[in-house]
Amino acid sequence: MSDEVKTEQPSKAKMRRGTRIVLIVSLALNLLVVGLAVGAVLSGGPKGHRDMRMPPHVRALAPADRRAIGQEIRKAHRAGALGERSGPRSSGRLADLLAAVPFDRAAVADLQEQTERAERARFSAARDIWLDHVAQMSDAERAAYAERLREVWAKKGKDKPKHD
């Protein structure tokens, strides 16, 4: 007989199958997100993402024309010609009016009217800057612009003009 004493090895705790699956899926998703981020950085970001927020007649402008019009709009904004943006101050006021008891429908309507008037004024000023720029184009430049606009409409069915 031997005097060897068996020492018990601490057993490894077994991971439950469900936990293992969750960890594998989590790892896969993390790798996917990292891959997408690296791909976006290496490819220069999402192509056309910013352009999709612009209306078709702006997307169709040549880059130099778009830049010139943007500079004019920014210059007009700095000069105060576009009025003041409603922004957080108006949003905070709207939140206050919505939370008020009793609810003052007329006050909310008045605030919305003020915001819409300011938006229309800014839009009109930007439209006038665009029109001034288009009016200064030569006939050939305007024809090329019109063709690019048709191409933009052809690429996106939802941007096509509506026909009665």
Protein backbone atom coordinates (compact mmCIF):
# COMPACT_ATOMS: atom_id res chain seq x y z
CA MET A 1 0.00 0.00 0.00
CA SER A 2 1.22 3.31 -0.73
CA ASP A 3 1.00 6.31 1.41
CA GLU A 4 0.24 8.56 -1.51
CA VAL A 5 -2.42 11.01 -0.77
CA LYS A 6 -4.52 12.04 -3.65
CA THR A 7 -4.78 15.76 -3.80
CA GLU A 8 -7.83 16.98 -5.52
CA GLN A 9 -7.25 19.30 -8.40
CA PRO A 10 -9.60 22.21 -8.46
CA SER A 11 -11.95 21.47 -11.32
CA LYS A 12 -12.49 24.04 -14.00
CA ALA A 13 -15.93 25.50 -13.90
CA LYS A 14 -17.71 24.51 -17.07
CA MET A 15 -19.26 27.31 -19.07
CA ARG A 16 -22.89 26.83 -19.84
CA ARG A 17 -23.67 26.28 -23.47
CA GLY A 18 -25.98 29.31 -23.67
CA THR A 19 -23.33 31.59 -22.20
CA ARG A 20 -20.76 30.33 -24.67
CA ILE A 21 -23.12 31.01 -27.60
CA VAL A 22 -23.85 34.54 -26.34
CA LEU A 23 -20.13 35.28 -26.03
CA ILE A 24 -19.41 33.98 -29.53
CA VAL A 25 -22.24 36.03 -31.04
CA SER A 26 -21.07 39.10 -29.11
CA LEU A 27 -17.52 38.64 -30.38
CA ALA A 28 -18.77 38.24 -33.96
CA LEU A 29 -20.83 41.43 -33.71
CA ASN A 30 -17.89 43.35 -32.24
CA LEU A 31 -15.67 42.18 -35.08
CA LEU A 32 -18.34 43.20 -37.60
CA VAL A 33 -18.59 46.70 -36.12
CA VAL A 34 -14.81 47.09 -36.07
CA GLY A 35 -14.64 45.86 -39.67
CA LEU A 36 -17.28 48.35 -40.78
CA ALA A 37 -15.51 51.20 -39.01
CA VAL A 38 -12.13 50.31 -40.50
CA GLY A 39 -13.70 49.91 -43.93
CA ALA A 40 -15.39 53.30 -43.70
CA VAL A 41 -12.13 54.98 -42.67
CA LEU A 42 -10.11 53.29 -45.41
CA SER A 43 -12.67 54.06 -48.11
CA GLY A 44 -13.01 57.71 -47.11
CA GLY A 45 -16.39 57.42 -45.44
CA PRO A 46 -19.85 56.75 -46.81
CA LYS A 47 -20.00 57.94 -50.41
CA GLY A 48 -22.70 60.47 -51.17
CA HIS A 49 -24.07 60.39 -47.62
CA ARG A 50 -23.97 64.15 -47.26
CA ASP A 51 -25.30 64.74 -50.78
CA MET A 52 -28.47 62.77 -50.04
CA ARG A 53 -29.63 65.48 -47.66
CA MET A 54 -29.44 68.07 -50.43
CA PRO A 55 -32.28 68.65 -52.82
CA PRO A 56 -31.71 67.44 -56.40
CA HIS A 57 -31.12 70.92 -57.84
CA VAL A 58 -28.28 71.42 -55.36
CA ARG A 59 -26.77 67.94 -55.90
CA ALA A 60 -26.68 68.61 -59.64
CA LEU A 61 -24.53 71.72 -59.24
CA ALA A 62 -20.89 71.45 -60.20
CA PRO A 63 -18.73 71.22 -57.04
CA ALA A 64 -17.27 74.69 -57.64
CA ASP A 65 -20.76 76.18 -58.03
CA ARG A 66 -22.00 74.42 -54.91
CA ARG A 67 -19.01 75.70 -52.96
CA ALA A 68 -19.51 79.28 -54.24
CA ILE A 69 -23.22 79.26 -53.36
CA GLY A 70 -22.45 77.78 -49.92
CA GLN A 71 -19.90 80.55 -49.30
CA GLU A 72 -22.46 83.19 -50.28
CA ILE A 73 -25.07 81.67 -47.97
CA ARG A 74 -22.58 81.57 -45.08
CA LYS A 75 -21.59 85.18 -45.80
CA ALA A 76 -25.26 86.23 -45.78
CA HIS A 77 -25.79 84.34 -42.53
CA ARG A 78 -22.83 86.08 -40.86
CA ALA A 79 -24.20 89.43 -42.07
CA GLY A 80 -27.56 88.60 -40.48
CA ALA A 81 -29.39 88.53 -43.80
CA LEU A 82 -30.80 85.07 -43.14
CA GLY A 83 -32.33 85.93 -39.79
CA GLU A 84 -31.76 83.97 -36.63
CA ARG A 85 -32.08 80.20 -36.43
CA SER A 86 -34.65 78.93 -34.01
CA GLY A 87 -32.43 76.19 -32.60
CA PRO A 88 -32.28 75.12 -28.94
CA ARG A 89 -33.85 78.30 -27.57
CA SER A 90 -37.02 77.72 -29.59
CA SER A 91 -36.97 73.99 -28.81
CA GLY A 92 -36.68 74.75 -25.10
CA ARG A 93 -39.58 77.19 -25.36
CA LEU A 94 -41.66 74.58 -27.20
CA ALA A 95 -40.89 71.98 -24.53
CA ASP A 96 -41.95 74.44 -21.83
CA LEU A 97 -45.21 75.20 -23.64
CA LEU A 98 -45.96 71.51 -24.14
CA ALA A 99 -45.39 70.77 -20.47
CA ALA A 100 -47.50 73.70 -19.27
CA VAL A 101 -50.74 72.99 -17.44
CA PRO A 102 -53.17 73.98 -18.73
CA PHE A 103 -52.00 73.47 -22.31
CA ASP A 104 -52.00 76.75 -24.26
CA ARG A 105 -52.76 75.76 -27.85
CA ALA A 106 -52.58 79.35 -29.10
CA ALA A 107 -49.10 79.89 -27.63
CA VAL A 108 -47.78 76.70 -29.28
CA ALA A 109 -49.36 77.70 -32.59
CA ASP A 110 -47.80 81.18 -32.31
CA LEU A 111 -44.34 79.75 -31.61
CA GLN A 112 -44.68 77.36 -34.55
CA GLU A 113 -45.75 80.25 -36.81
CA GLN A 114 -42.71 82.29 -35.75
CA THR A 115 -40.41 79.34 -36.43
CA GLU A 116 -41.98 78.66 -39.82
CA ARG A 117 -41.72 82.35 -40.82
CA ALA A 118 -38.03 82.38 -39.91
CA GLU A 119 -37.45 79.14 -41.85
CA ARG A 120 -39.26 80.54 -44.91
CA ALA A 121 -37.17 83.72 -44.76
CA ARG A 122 -33.92 81.72 -44.61
CA PHE A 123 -35.08 79.44 -47.42
CA SER A 124 -36.07 82.42 -49.58
CA ALA A 125 -32.71 84.13 -49.02
CA ALA A 126 -30.84 80.92 -49.92
CA ARG A 127 -33.05 80.46 -52.99
CA ASP A 128 -32.30 84.01 -54.13
CA ILE A 129 -28.55 83.38 -53.77
CA TRP A 130 -28.92 80.18 -55.83
CA LEU A 131 -30.98 81.99 -58.49
CA ASP A 132 -28.46 84.83 -58.70
CA HIS A 133 -25.71 82.27 -59.24
CA VAL A 134 -27.70 80.39 -61.90
CA ALA A 135 -28.54 83.68 -63.66
CA GLN A 136 -24.81 84.41 -63.95
CA MET A 137 -24.11 81.06 -65.69
CA SER A 138 -23.55 81.03 -69.42
CA ASP A 139 -26.08 79.26 -71.63
CA ALA A 140 -23.69 76.30 -71.96
CA GLU A 141 -23.13 76.11 -68.18
CA ARG A 142 -26.88 76.21 -67.55
CA ALA A 143 -27.47 73.49 -70.16
CA ALA A 144 -24.82 71.29 -68.52
CA TYR A 145 -26.41 71.96 -65.13
CA ALA A 146 -29.84 71.00 -66.51
CA GLU A 147 -28.39 67.75 -67.86
CA ARG A 148 -26.79 66.91 -64.50
CA LEU A 149 -30.15 67.60 -62.85
CA ARG A 150 -31.82 65.12 -65.20
CA GLU A 151 -29.13 62.58 -64.28
CA VAL A 152 -29.77 63.11 -60.57
CA TRP A 153 -33.48 62.56 -61.14
CA ALA A 154 -32.79 59.44 -63.18
CA LYS A 155 -30.66 57.94 -60.38
CA LYS A 156 -33.34 58.38 -57.75
CA GLY A 157 -36.89 57.71 -58.80
CA LYS A 158 -38.24 59.56 -55.77
CA ASP A 159 -36.49 62.74 -56.87
CA LYS A 160 -38.10 62.76 -60.31
CA PRO A 161 -40.48 65.63 -60.92
CA LYS A 162 -44.12 64.71 -60.51
CA HIS A 163 -46.17 64.73 -63.73
CA ASP A 164 -49.92 65.24 -63.58
